[in-house]
């Protein structure tokens, strides 16, 4: 009985550690913005483009949903004047297989 308990404990630790393995964006490209209990949000610092004298910026945002095993990459546009935020396009991926869902 004494040998079974450590084996079961090790087994449960391995199961819980693999459950939390989720898609992690490349830190050389993506910068963390915010996280909640259901989503982590990152923005692409390498492809941000500014126009209209710095009034407009276009950039990519990655939302990671580990509980759903998905991540969403969205192209966004933000302007200072008038203050607007627009999502131009998005692609939803299965984080495990990297297949496009939508």
PDB file of N, CA and C in Angstrom:
ATOM      1  N   UNK A   1       0.825  -1.200   0.000  1.00  0.00           N
ATOM      2  CA  UNK A   1       0.000   0.000   0.000  1.00  0.00           C
ATOM      3  C   UNK A   1       0.869   1.263   0.000  1.00  0.00           C
ATOM      4  N   UNK A   2       2.008   1.201   0.710  1.00  0.00           N
ATOM      5  CA  UNK A   2       2.871   2.372   0.783  1.00  0.00           C
ATOM      6  C   UNK A   2       3.482   2.714  -0.572  1.00  0.00           C
ATOM      7  N   UNK A   3       3.664   1.735  -1.435  1.00  0.00           N
ATOM      8  CA  UNK A   3       4.241   1.972  -2.755  1.00  0.00           C
ATOM      9  C   UNK A   3       3.200   2.498  -3.739  1.00  0.00           C
ATOM     10  N   UNK A   4       1.948   2.198  -3.503  1.00  0.00           N
ATOM     11  CA  UNK A   4       0.887   2.605  -4.419  1.00  0.00           C
ATOM     12  C   UNK A   4       0.610   4.102  -4.309  1.00  0.00           C
ATOM     13  N   UNK A   5       0.674   4.631  -3.111  1.00  0.00           N
ATOM     14  CA  UNK A   5       0.341   6.051  -2.898  1.00  0.00           C
ATOM     15  C   UNK A   5       1.303   6.971  -3.660  1.00  0.00           C
ATOM     16  N   UNK A   6       2.625   6.799  -3.590  1.00  0.00           N
ATOM     17  CA  UNK A   6       3.501   7.680  -4.381  1.00  0.00           C
ATOM     18  C   UNK A   6       3.295   7.538  -5.882  1.00  0.00           C
ATOM     19  N   UNK A   7       2.991   6.329  -6.338  1.00  0.00           N
ATOM     20  CA  UNK A   7       2.744   6.135  -7.767  1.00  0.00           C
ATOM     21  C   UNK A   7       1.482   6.865  -8.194  1.00  0.00           C
ATOM     22  N   UNK A   8       0.422   6.757  -7.405  1.00  0.00           N
ATOM     23  CA  UNK A   8      -0.820   7.474  -7.717  1.00  0.00           C
ATOM     24  C   UNK A   8      -0.611   8.981  -7.648  1.00  0.00           C
ATOM     25  N   UNK A   9       0.140   9.449  -6.662  1.00  0.00           N
ATOM     26  CA  UNK A   9       0.412  10.877  -6.538  1.00  0.00           C
ATOM     27  C   UNK A   9       1.167  11.397  -7.762  1.00  0.00           C
ATOM     28  N   UNK A  10       2.179  10.652  -8.198  1.00  0.00           N
ATOM     29  CA  UNK A  10       2.934  11.058  -9.389  1.00  0.00           C
ATOM     30  C   UNK A  10       2.041  11.061 -10.622  1.00  0.00           C
ATOM     31  N   UNK A  11       1.168  10.091 -10.724  1.00  0.00           N
ATOM     32  CA  UNK A  11       0.237  10.012 -11.848  1.00  0.00           C
ATOM     33  C   UNK A  11      -0.701  11.221 -11.882  1.00  0.00           C
ATOM     34  N   UNK A  12      -1.255  11.598 -10.738  1.00  0.00           N
ATOM     35  CA  UNK A  12      -2.160  12.753 -10.682  1.00  0.00           C
ATOM     36  C   UNK A  12      -1.431  14.057 -10.985  1.00  0.00           C
ATOM     37  N   UNK A  13      -0.194  14.187 -10.549  1.00  0.00           N
ATOM     38  CA  UNK A  13       0.583  15.396 -10.850  1.00  0.00           C
ATOM     39  C   UNK A  13       0.838  15.498 -12.344  1.00  0.00           C
ATOM     40  N   UNK A  14       1.156  14.388 -12.989  1.00  0.00           N
ATOM     41  CA  UNK A  14       1.386  14.409 -14.436  1.00  0.00           C
ATOM     42  C   UNK A  14       0.106  14.763 -15.183  1.00  0.00           C
ATOM     43  N   UNK A  15      -1.035  14.277 -14.724  1.00  0.00           N
ATOM     44  CA  UNK A  15      -2.301  14.600 -15.387  1.00  0.00           C
ATOM     45  C   UNK A  15      -2.631  16.076 -15.268  1.00  0.00           C
ATOM     46  N   UNK A  16      -2.457  16.654 -14.092  1.00  0.00           N
ATOM     47  CA  UNK A  16      -2.800  18.067 -13.921  1.00  0.00           C
ATOM     48  C   UNK A  16      -1.849  18.967 -14.678  1.00  0.00           C
ATOM     49  N   UNK A  17      -0.588  18.592 -14.787  1.00  0.00           N
ATOM     50  CA  UNK A  17       0.355  19.445 -15.510  1.00  0.00           C
ATOM     51  C   UNK A  17       0.078  19.439 -17.012  1.00  0.00           C
ATOM     52  N   UNK A  18      -0.383  18.328 -17.575  1.00  0.00           N
ATOM     53  CA  UNK A  18      -0.679  18.308 -19.000  1.00  0.00           C
ATOM     54  C   UNK A  18      -1.989  18.998 -19.322  1.00  0.00           C
ATOM     55  N   UNK A  19      -2.896  19.091 -18.379  1.00  0.00           N
ATOM     56  CA  UNK A  19      -4.171  19.760 -18.618  1.00  0.00           C
ATOM     57  C   UNK A  19      -3.982  21.254 -18.838  1.00  0.00           C
ATOM     58  N   UNK A  20      -2.947  21.822 -18.219  1.00  0.00           N
ATOM     59  CA  UNK A  20      -2.748  23.258 -18.342  1.00  0.00           C
ATOM     60  C   UNK A  20      -1.813  23.627 -19.479  1.00  0.00           C
ATOM     61  N   UNK A  21      -1.344  22.667 -20.224  1.00  0.00           N
ATOM     62  CA  UNK A  21      -0.497  22.959 -21.384  1.00  0.00           C
ATOM     63  C   UNK A  21      -1.380  23.533 -22.483  1.00  0.00           C
ATOM     64  N   UNK A  22      -1.124  24.762 -22.859  1.00  0.00           N
ATOM     65  CA  UNK A  22      -1.948  25.434 -23.864  1.00  0.00           C
ATOM     66  C   UNK A  22      -1.042  26.140 -24.859  1.00  0.00           C
ATOM     67  N   UNK A  23      -1.656  26.707 -25.877  1.00  0.00           N
ATOM     68  CA  UNK A  23      -0.919  27.464 -26.881  1.00  0.00           C
ATOM     69  C   UNK A  23      -0.256  28.664 -26.208  1.00  0.00           C
ATOM     70  N   UNK A  24       1.027  28.836 -26.453  1.00  0.00           N
ATOM     71  CA  UNK A  24       1.765  29.984 -25.936  1.00  0.00           C
ATOM     72  C   UNK A  24       2.341  30.740 -27.120  1.00  0.00           C
ATOM     73  N   UNK A  25       1.957  32.009 -27.305  1.00  0.00           N
ATOM     74  CA  UNK A  25       2.491  32.792 -28.420  1.00  0.00           C
ATOM     75  C   UNK A  25       4.000  33.003 -28.288  1.00  0.00           C
ATOM     76  N   UNK A  26       4.670  33.146 -29.426  1.00  0.00           N
ATOM     77  CA  UNK A  26       6.111  33.369 -29.473  1.00  0.00           C
ATOM     78  C   UNK A  26       6.449  34.685 -28.762  1.00  0.00           C
ATOM     79  N   UNK A  27       7.261  34.654 -27.699  1.00  0.00           N
ATOM     80  CA  UNK A  27       7.565  35.895 -26.967  1.00  0.00           C
ATOM     81  C   UNK A  27       8.403  36.890 -27.762  1.00  0.00           C
ATOM     82  N   UNK A  28       9.063  36.445 -28.838  1.00  0.00           N
ATOM     83  CA  UNK A  28       9.812  37.381 -29.682  1.00  0.00           C
ATOM     84  C   UNK A  28       8.875  38.208 -30.551  1.00  0.00           C
ATOM     85  N   UNK A  29       7.667  37.730 -30.760  1.00  0.00           N
ATOM     86  CA  UNK A  29       6.707  38.433 -31.597  1.00  0.00           C
ATOM     87  C   UNK A  29       5.563  39.040 -30.784  1.00  0.00           C
ATOM     88  N   UNK A  30       5.063  38.324 -29.798  1.00  0.00           N
ATOM     89  CA  UNK A  30       3.863  38.722 -29.061  1.00  0.00           C
ATOM     90  C   UNK A  30       4.205  39.239 -27.672  1.00  0.00           C
ATOM     91  N   UNK A  31       3.565  40.358 -27.289  1.00  0.00           N
ATOM     92  CA  UNK A  31       3.742  40.949 -25.970  1.00  0.00           C
ATOM     93  C   UNK A  31       2.443  40.799 -25.190  1.00  0.00           C
ATOM     94  N   UNK A  32       2.565  40.300 -23.953  1.00  0.00           N
ATOM     95  CA  UNK A  32       1.393  40.089 -23.114  1.00  0.00           C
ATOM     96  C   UNK A  32       0.748  41.424 -22.760  1.00  0.00           C
ATOM     97  N   UNK A  33      -0.605  41.480 -22.834  1.00  0.00           N
ATOM     98  CA  UNK A  33      -1.346  42.683 -22.452  1.00  0.00           C
ATOM     99  C   UNK A  33      -2.092  42.451 -21.155  1.00  0.00           C
ATOM    100  N   UNK A  34      -2.919  41.382 -21.129  1.00  0.00           N
ATOM    101  CA  UNK A  34      -3.809  41.156 -19.995  1.00  0.00           C
ATOM    102  C   UNK A  34      -4.244  39.696 -19.977  1.00  0.00           C
ATOM    103  N   UNK A  35      -4.655  39.227 -18.822  1.00  0.00           N
ATOM    104  CA  UNK A  35      -5.212  37.886 -18.693  1.00  0.00           C
ATOM    105  C   UNK A  35      -6.385  37.906 -17.727  1.00  0.00           C
ATOM    106  N   UNK A  36      -7.343  37.033 -18.019  1.00  0.00           N
ATOM    107  CA  UNK A  36      -8.442  36.783 -17.093  1.00  0.00           C
ATOM    108  C   UNK A  36      -8.422  35.297 -16.781  1.00  0.00           C
ATOM    109  N   UNK A  37      -9.441  34.820 -16.083  1.00  0.00           N
ATOM    110  CA  UNK A  37      -9.482  33.394 -15.774  1.00  0.00           C
ATOM    111  C   UNK A  37      -9.836  32.552 -16.994  1.00  0.00           C
ATOM    112  N   UNK A  38     -10.280  33.172 -18.090  1.00  0.00           N
ATOM    113  CA  UNK A  38     -10.659  32.415 -19.289  1.00  0.00           C
ATOM    114  C   UNK A  38      -9.838  32.773 -20.530  1.00  0.00           C
ATOM    115  N   UNK A  39      -9.107  33.889 -20.510  1.00  0.00           N
ATOM    116  CA  UNK A  39      -8.445  34.357 -21.734  1.00  0.00           C
ATOM    117  C   UNK A  39      -7.153  35.107 -21.413  1.00  0.00           C
ATOM    118  N   UNK A  40      -6.141  34.883 -22.252  1.00  0.00           N
ATOM    119  CA  UNK A  40      -4.917  35.671 -22.201  1.00  0.00           C
ATOM    120  C   UNK A  40      -4.810  36.466 -23.499  1.00  0.00           C
ATOM    121  N   UNK A  41      -4.445  37.738 -23.401  1.00  0.00           N
ATOM    122  CA  UNK A  41      -4.412  38.611 -24.577  1.00  0.00           C
ATOM    123  C   UNK A  41      -2.993  39.115 -24.820  1.00  0.00           C
ATOM    124  N   UNK A  42      -2.558  39.049 -26.091  1.00  0.00           N
ATOM    125  CA  UNK A  42      -1.233  39.475 -26.514  1.00  0.00           C
ATOM    126  C   UNK A  42      -1.380  40.353 -27.753  1.00  0.00           C
ATOM    127  N   UNK A  43      -0.418  41.242 -27.998  1.00  0.00           N
ATOM    128  CA  UNK A  43      -0.419  42.012 -29.238  1.00  0.00           C
ATOM    129  C   UNK A  43       0.916  41.827 -29.941  1.00  0.00           C
ATOM    130  N   UNK A  44       0.890  41.931 -31.256  1.00  0.00           N
ATOM    131  CA  UNK A  44       2.063  41.706 -32.088  1.00  0.00           C
ATOM    132  C   UNK A  44       2.837  43.003 -32.211  1.00  0.00           C
ATOM    133  N   UNK A  45       3.971  43.067 -31.534  1.00  0.00           N
ATOM    134  CA  UNK A  45       4.765  44.295 -31.523  1.00  0.00           C
ATOM    135  C   UNK A  45       5.617  44.462 -32.773  1.00  0.00           C
ATOM    136  N   UNK A  46       5.783  43.389 -33.554  1.00  0.00           N
ATOM    137  CA  UNK A  46       6.684  43.462 -34.707  1.00  0.00           C
ATOM    138  C   UNK A  46       6.008  43.977 -35.968  1.00  0.00           C
ATOM    139  N   UNK A  47       4.686  43.862 -36.075  1.00  0.00           N
ATOM    140  CA  UNK A  47       4.016  44.265 -37.318  1.00  0.00           C
ATOM    141  C   UNK A  47       3.097  45.474 -37.161  1.00  0.00           C
ATOM    142  N   UNK A  48       3.183  46.169 -36.043  1.00  0.00           N
ATOM    143  CA  UNK A  48       2.347  47.358 -35.856  1.00  0.00           C
ATOM    144  C   UNK A  48       2.735  48.419 -36.892  1.00  0.00           C
ATOM    145  N   UNK A  49       1.715  48.997 -37.548  1.00  0.00           N
ATOM    146  CA  UNK A  49       1.936  50.021 -38.568  1.00  0.00           C
ATOM    147  C   UNK A  49       1.163  51.279 -38.192  1.00  0.00           C
ATOM    148  N   UNK A  50       1.827  52.425 -38.302  1.00  0.00           N
ATOM    149  CA  UNK A  50       1.227  53.717 -37.964  1.00  0.00           C
ATOM    150  C   UNK A  50       1.056  54.533 -39.240  1.00  0.00           C
ATOM    151  N   UNK A  51      -0.040  55.296 -39.297  1.00  0.00           N
ATOM    152  CA  UNK A  51      -0.286  56.155 -40.454  1.00  0.00           C
ATOM    153  C   UNK A  51      -0.997  57.425 -39.997  1.00  0.00           C
ATOM    154  N   UNK A  52      -1.230  58.321 -40.953  1.00  0.00           N
ATOM    155  CA  UNK A  52      -1.881  59.607 -40.696  1.00  0.00           C
ATOM    156  C   UNK A  52      -1.171  60.381 -39.583  1.00  0.00           C
ATOM    157  N   UNK A  53       0.145  60.424 -39.641  1.00  0.00           N
ATOM    158  CA  UNK A  53       0.912  61.177 -38.653  1.00  0.00           C
ATOM    159  C   UNK A  53       0.816  60.590 -37.253  1.00  0.00           C
ATOM    160  N   UNK A  54       0.621  59.299 -37.146  1.00  0.00           N
ATOM    161  CA  UNK A  54       0.508  58.648 -35.840  1.00  0.00           C
ATOM    162  C   UNK A  54      -0.905  58.603 -35.302  1.00  0.00           C
ATOM    163  N   UNK A  55      -1.878  59.094 -36.087  1.00  0.00           N
ATOM    164  CA  UNK A  55      -3.271  59.095 -35.638  1.00  0.00           C
ATOM    165  C   UNK A  55      -3.892  57.697 -35.712  1.00  0.00           C
ATOM    166  N   UNK A  56      -3.411  56.860 -36.629  1.00  0.00           N
ATOM    167  CA  UNK A  56      -3.988  55.526 -36.847  1.00  0.00           C
ATOM    168  C   UNK A  56      -2.913  54.462 -36.676  1.00  0.00           C
ATOM    169  N   UNK A  57      -3.289  53.365 -36.040  1.00  0.00           N
ATOM    170  CA  UNK A  57      -2.379  52.222 -35.886  1.00  0.00           C
ATOM    171  C   UNK A  57      -3.129  50.944 -36.225  1.00  0.00           C
ATOM    172  N   UNK A  58      -2.473  50.072 -36.986  1.00  0.00           N
ATOM    173  CA  UNK A  58      -3.008  48.739 -37.265  1.00  0.00           C
ATOM    174  C   UNK A  58      -2.063  47.720 -36.647  1.00  0.00           C
ATOM    175  N   UNK A  59      -2.614  46.717 -35.980  1.00  0.00           N
ATOM    176  CA  UNK A  59      -1.805  45.720 -35.296  1.00  0.00           C
ATOM    177  C   UNK A  59      -2.604  44.431 -35.142  1.00  0.00           C
ATOM    178  N   UNK A  60      -1.915  43.353 -34.748  1.00  0.00           N
ATOM    179  CA  UNK A  60      -2.539  42.048 -34.558  1.00  0.00           C
ATOM    180  C   UNK A  60      -2.655  41.757 -33.073  1.00  0.00           C
ATOM    181  N   UNK A  61      -3.767  41.133 -32.678  1.00  0.00           N
ATOM    182  CA  UNK A  61      -4.013  40.723 -31.294  1.00  0.00           C
ATOM    183  C   UNK A  61      -4.280  39.226 -31.281  1.00  0.00           C
ATOM    184  N   UNK A  62      -3.714  38.541 -30.289  1.00  0.00           N
ATOM    185  CA  UNK A  62      -3.938  37.102 -30.135  1.00  0.00           C
ATOM    186  C   UNK A  62      -4.613  36.862 -28.780  1.00  0.00           C
ATOM    187  N   UNK A  63      -5.802  36.288 -28.814  1.00  0.00           N
ATOM    188  CA  UNK A  63      -6.526  35.900 -27.598  1.00  0.00           C
ATOM    189  C   UNK A  63      -6.423  34.385 -27.453  1.00  0.00           C
ATOM    190  N   UNK A  64      -5.891  33.928 -26.321  1.00  0.00           N
ATOM    191  CA  UNK A  64      -5.709  32.502 -26.068  1.00  0.00           C
ATOM    192  C   UNK A  64      -6.754  32.053 -25.054  1.00  0.00           C
ATOM    193  N   UNK A  65      -7.537  31.031 -25.431  1.00  0.00           N
ATOM    194  CA  UNK A  65      -8.567  30.458 -24.570  1.00  0.00           C
ATOM    195  C   UNK A  65      -8.164  29.028 -24.205  1.00  0.00           C
ATOM    196  N   UNK A  66      -7.386  28.840 -23.121  1.00  0.00           N
ATOM    197  CA  UNK A  66      -6.876  27.503 -22.806  1.00  0.00           C
ATOM    198  C   UNK A  66      -7.971  26.492 -22.455  1.00  0.00           C
ATOM    199  N   UNK A  67      -9.057  26.927 -21.851  1.00  0.00           N
ATOM    200  CA  UNK A  67     -10.130  25.991 -21.485  1.00  0.00           C
ATOM    201  C   UNK A  67     -10.850  25.451 -22.708  1.00  0.00           C
ATOM    202  N   UNK A  68     -10.896  26.234 -23.780  1.00  0.00           N
ATOM    203  CA  UNK A  68     -11.549  25.803 -25.014  1.00  0.00           C
ATOM    204  C   UNK A  68     -10.548  25.219 -26.005  1.00  0.00           C
ATOM    205  N   UNK A  69      -9.251  25.275 -25.661  1.00  0.00           N
ATOM    206  CA  UNK A  69      -8.173  24.801 -26.528  1.00  0.00           C
ATOM    207  C   UNK A  69      -8.191  25.508 -27.885  1.00  0.00           C
ATOM    208  N   UNK A  70      -8.453  26.822 -27.862  1.00  0.00           N
ATOM    209  CA  UNK A  70      -8.484  27.628 -29.082  1.00  0.00           C
ATOM    210  C   UNK A  70      -7.703  28.925 -28.868  1.00  0.00           C
ATOM    211  N   UNK A  71      -7.319  29.545 -29.964  1.00  0.00           N
ATOM    212  CA  UNK A  71      -6.794  30.904 -29.924  1.00  0.00           C
ATOM    213  C   UNK A  71      -7.296  31.659 -31.147  1.00  0.00           C
ATOM    214  N   UNK A  72      -7.476  32.950 -30.981  1.00  0.00           N
ATOM    215  CA  UNK A  72      -8.069  33.816 -31.983  1.00  0.00           C
ATOM    216  C   UNK A  72      -7.062  34.915 -32.318  1.00  0.00           C
ATOM    217  N   UNK A  73      -6.726  35.064 -33.594  1.00  0.00           N
ATOM    218  CA  UNK A  73      -5.811  36.121 -34.020  1.00  0.00           C
ATOM    219  C   UNK A  73      -6.616  37.135 -34.823  1.00  0.00           C
ATOM    220  N   UNK A  74      -6.581  38.392 -34.368  1.00  0.00           N
ATOM    221  CA  UNK A  74      -7.420  39.445 -34.928  1.00  0.00           C
ATOM    222  C   UNK A  74      -6.567  40.616 -35.399  1.00  0.00           C
ATOM    223  N   UNK A  75      -6.868  41.143 -36.598  1.00  0.00           N
ATOM    224  CA  UNK A  75      -6.227  42.373 -37.076  1.00  0.00           C
ATOM    225  C   UNK A  75      -7.095  43.540 -36.627  1.00  0.00           C
ATOM    226  N   UNK A  76      -6.485  44.491 -35.923  1.00  0.00           N
ATOM    227  CA  UNK A  76      -7.227  45.605 -35.330  1.00  0.00           C
ATOM    228  C   UNK A  76      -6.712  46.941 -35.856  1.00  0.00           C
ATOM    229  N   UNK A  77      -7.578  47.935 -35.792  1.00  0.00           N
ATOM    230  CA  UNK A  77      -7.229  49.299 -36.190  1.00  0.00           C
ATOM    231  C   UNK A  77      -7.746  50.224 -35.108  1.00  0.00           C
ATOM    232  N   UNK A  78      -6.897  51.141 -34.676  1.00  0.00           N
ATOM    233  CA  UNK A  78      -7.291  52.091 -33.641  1.00  0.00           C
ATOM    234  C   UNK A  78      -6.904  53.489 -34.104  1.00  0.00           C
ATOM    235  N   UNK A  79      -7.780  54.452 -33.863  1.00  0.00           N
ATOM    236  CA  UNK A  79      -7.493  55.847 -34.220  1.00  0.00           C
ATOM    237  C   UNK A  79      -7.665  56.725 -32.983  1.00  0.00           C
ATOM    238  N   UNK A  80      -6.843  57.784 -32.943  1.00  0.00           N
ATOM    239  CA  UNK A  80      -6.942  58.729 -31.823  1.00  0.00           C
ATOM    240  C   UNK A  80      -8.115  59.682 -32.006  1.00  0.00           C
ATOM    241  N   UNK A  81      -8.221  60.231 -33.248  1.00  0.00           N
ATOM    242  CA  UNK A  81      -9.262  61.228 -33.478  1.00  0.00           C
ATOM    243  C   UNK A  81      -9.960  60.933 -34.792  1.00  0.00           C
ATOM    244  N   UNK A  82     -11.186  60.524 -34.832  1.00  0.00           N
ATOM    245  CA  UNK A  82     -12.046  60.234 -33.685  1.00  0.00           C
ATOM    246  C   UNK A  82     -11.625  58.927 -33.017  1.00  0.00           C
ATOM    247  N   UNK A  83     -11.924  58.789 -31.755  1.00  0.00           N
ATOM    248  CA  UNK A  83     -11.532  57.602 -30.992  1.00  0.00           C
ATOM    249  C   UNK A  83     -12.353  56.402 -31.442  1.00  0.00           C
ATOM    250  N   UNK A  84     -11.686  55.527 -32.187  1.00  0.00           N
ATOM    251  CA  UNK A  84     -12.369  54.324 -32.671  1.00  0.00           C
ATOM    252  C   UNK A  84     -11.446  53.119 -32.535  1.00  0.00           C
ATOM    253  N   UNK A  85     -12.056  51.966 -32.361  1.00  0.00           N
ATOM    254  CA  UNK A  85     -11.364  50.686 -32.346  1.00  0.00           C
ATOM    255  C   UNK A  85     -12.146  49.766 -33.265  1.00  0.00           C
ATOM    256  N   UNK A  86     -11.472  49.216 -34.284  1.00  0.00           N
ATOM    257  CA  UNK A  86     -12.145  48.387 -35.274  1.00  0.00           C
ATOM    258  C   UNK A  86     -11.401  47.069 -35.417  1.00  0.00           C
ATOM    259  N   UNK A  87     -12.146  45.971 -35.421  1.00  0.00           N
ATOM    260  CA  UNK A  87     -11.562  44.664 -35.712  1.00  0.00           C
ATOM    261  C   UNK A  87     -11.781  44.398 -37.194  1.00  0.00           C
ATOM    262  N   UNK A  88     -10.701  44.329 -37.971  1.00  0.00           N
ATOM    263  CA  UNK A  88     -10.786  44.228 -39.420  1.00  0.00           C
ATOM    264  C   UNK A  88     -10.990  42.793 -39.904  1.00  0.00           C
ATOM    265  N   UNK A  89     -10.305  41.841 -39.286  1.00  0.00           N
ATOM    266  CA  UNK A  89     -10.461  40.430 -39.658  1.00  0.00           C
ATOM    267  C   UNK A  89      -9.961  39.565 -38.515  1.00  0.00           C
ATOM    268  N   UNK A  90     -10.406  38.315 -38.477  1.00  0.00           N
ATOM    269  CA  UNK A  90      -9.915  37.403 -37.449  1.00  0.00           C
ATOM    270  C   UNK A  90      -9.881  35.979 -37.989  1.00  0.00           C
ATOM    271  N   UNK A  91      -9.067  35.149 -37.343  1.00  0.00           N
ATOM    272  CA  UNK A  91      -9.003  33.724 -37.644  1.00  0.00           C
ATOM    273  C   UNK A  91      -8.947  32.981 -36.319  1.00  0.00           C
ATOM    274  N   UNK A  92      -9.799  31.967 -36.179  1.00  0.00           N
ATOM    275  CA  UNK A  92      -9.848  31.170 -34.958  1.00  0.00           C
ATOM    276  C   UNK A  92      -9.193  29.823 -35.236  1.00  0.00           C
ATOM    277  N   UNK A  93      -8.290  29.407 -34.345  1.00  0.00           N
ATOM    278  CA  UNK A  93      -7.524  28.180 -34.517  1.00  0.00           C
ATOM    279  C   UNK A  93      -7.777  27.200 -33.368  1.00  0.00           C
ATOM    280  N   UNK A  94      -7.663  25.912 -33.672  1.00  0.00           N
ATOM    281  CA  UNK A  94      -7.598  24.882 -32.646  1.00  0.00           C
ATOM    282  C   UNK A  94      -6.155  24.880 -32.166  1.00  0.00           C
ATOM    283  N   UNK A  95      -5.935  25.124 -30.880  1.00  0.00           N
ATOM    284  CA  UNK A  95      -4.567  25.259 -30.371  1.00  0.00           C
ATOM    285  C   UNK A  95      -3.782  23.955 -30.407  1.00  0.00           C
ATOM    286  N   UNK A  96      -4.465  22.822 -30.306  1.00  0.00           N
ATOM    287  CA  UNK A  96      -3.772  21.549 -30.308  1.00  0.00           C
ATOM    288  C   UNK A  96      -3.302  21.144 -31.697  1.00  0.00           C
ATOM    289  N   UNK A  97      -4.170  21.275 -32.690  1.00  0.00           N
ATOM    290  CA  UNK A  97      -3.841  20.836 -34.049  1.00  0.00           C
ATOM    291  C   UNK A  97      -3.408  21.969 -34.955  1.00  0.00           C
ATOM    292  N   UNK A  98      -3.592  23.222 -34.532  1.00  0.00           N
ATOM    293  CA  UNK A  98      -3.289  24.430 -35.322  1.00  0.00           C
ATOM    294  C   UNK A  98      -4.137  24.527 -36.586  1.00  0.00           C
ATOM    295  N   UNK A  99      -5.285  23.835 -36.598  1.00  0.00           N
ATOM    296  CA  UNK A  99      -6.191  23.919 -37.742  1.00  0.00           C
ATOM    297  C   UNK A  99      -7.103  25.128 -37.591  1.00  0.00           C
ATOM    298  N   UNK A 100      -7.494  25.713 -38.729  1.00  0.00           N
ATOM    299  CA  UNK A 100      -8.411  26.844 -38.739  1.00  0.00           C
ATOM    300  C   UNK A 100      -9.813  26.362 -38.442  1.00  0.00           C
ATOM    301  N   UNK A 101     -10.459  26.988 -37.457  1.00  0.00           N
ATOM    302  CA  UNK A 101     -11.851  26.661 -37.114  1.00  0.00           C
ATOM    303  C   UNK A 101     -12.796  27.573 -37.864  1.00  0.00           C
ATOM    304  N   UNK A 102     -12.484  28.873 -37.883  1.00  0.00           N
ATOM    305  CA  UNK A 102     -13.363  29.850 -38.522  1.00  0.00           C
ATOM    306  C   UNK A 102     -12.507  30.974 -39.085  1.00  0.00           C
TER     307      UNK A 102
END
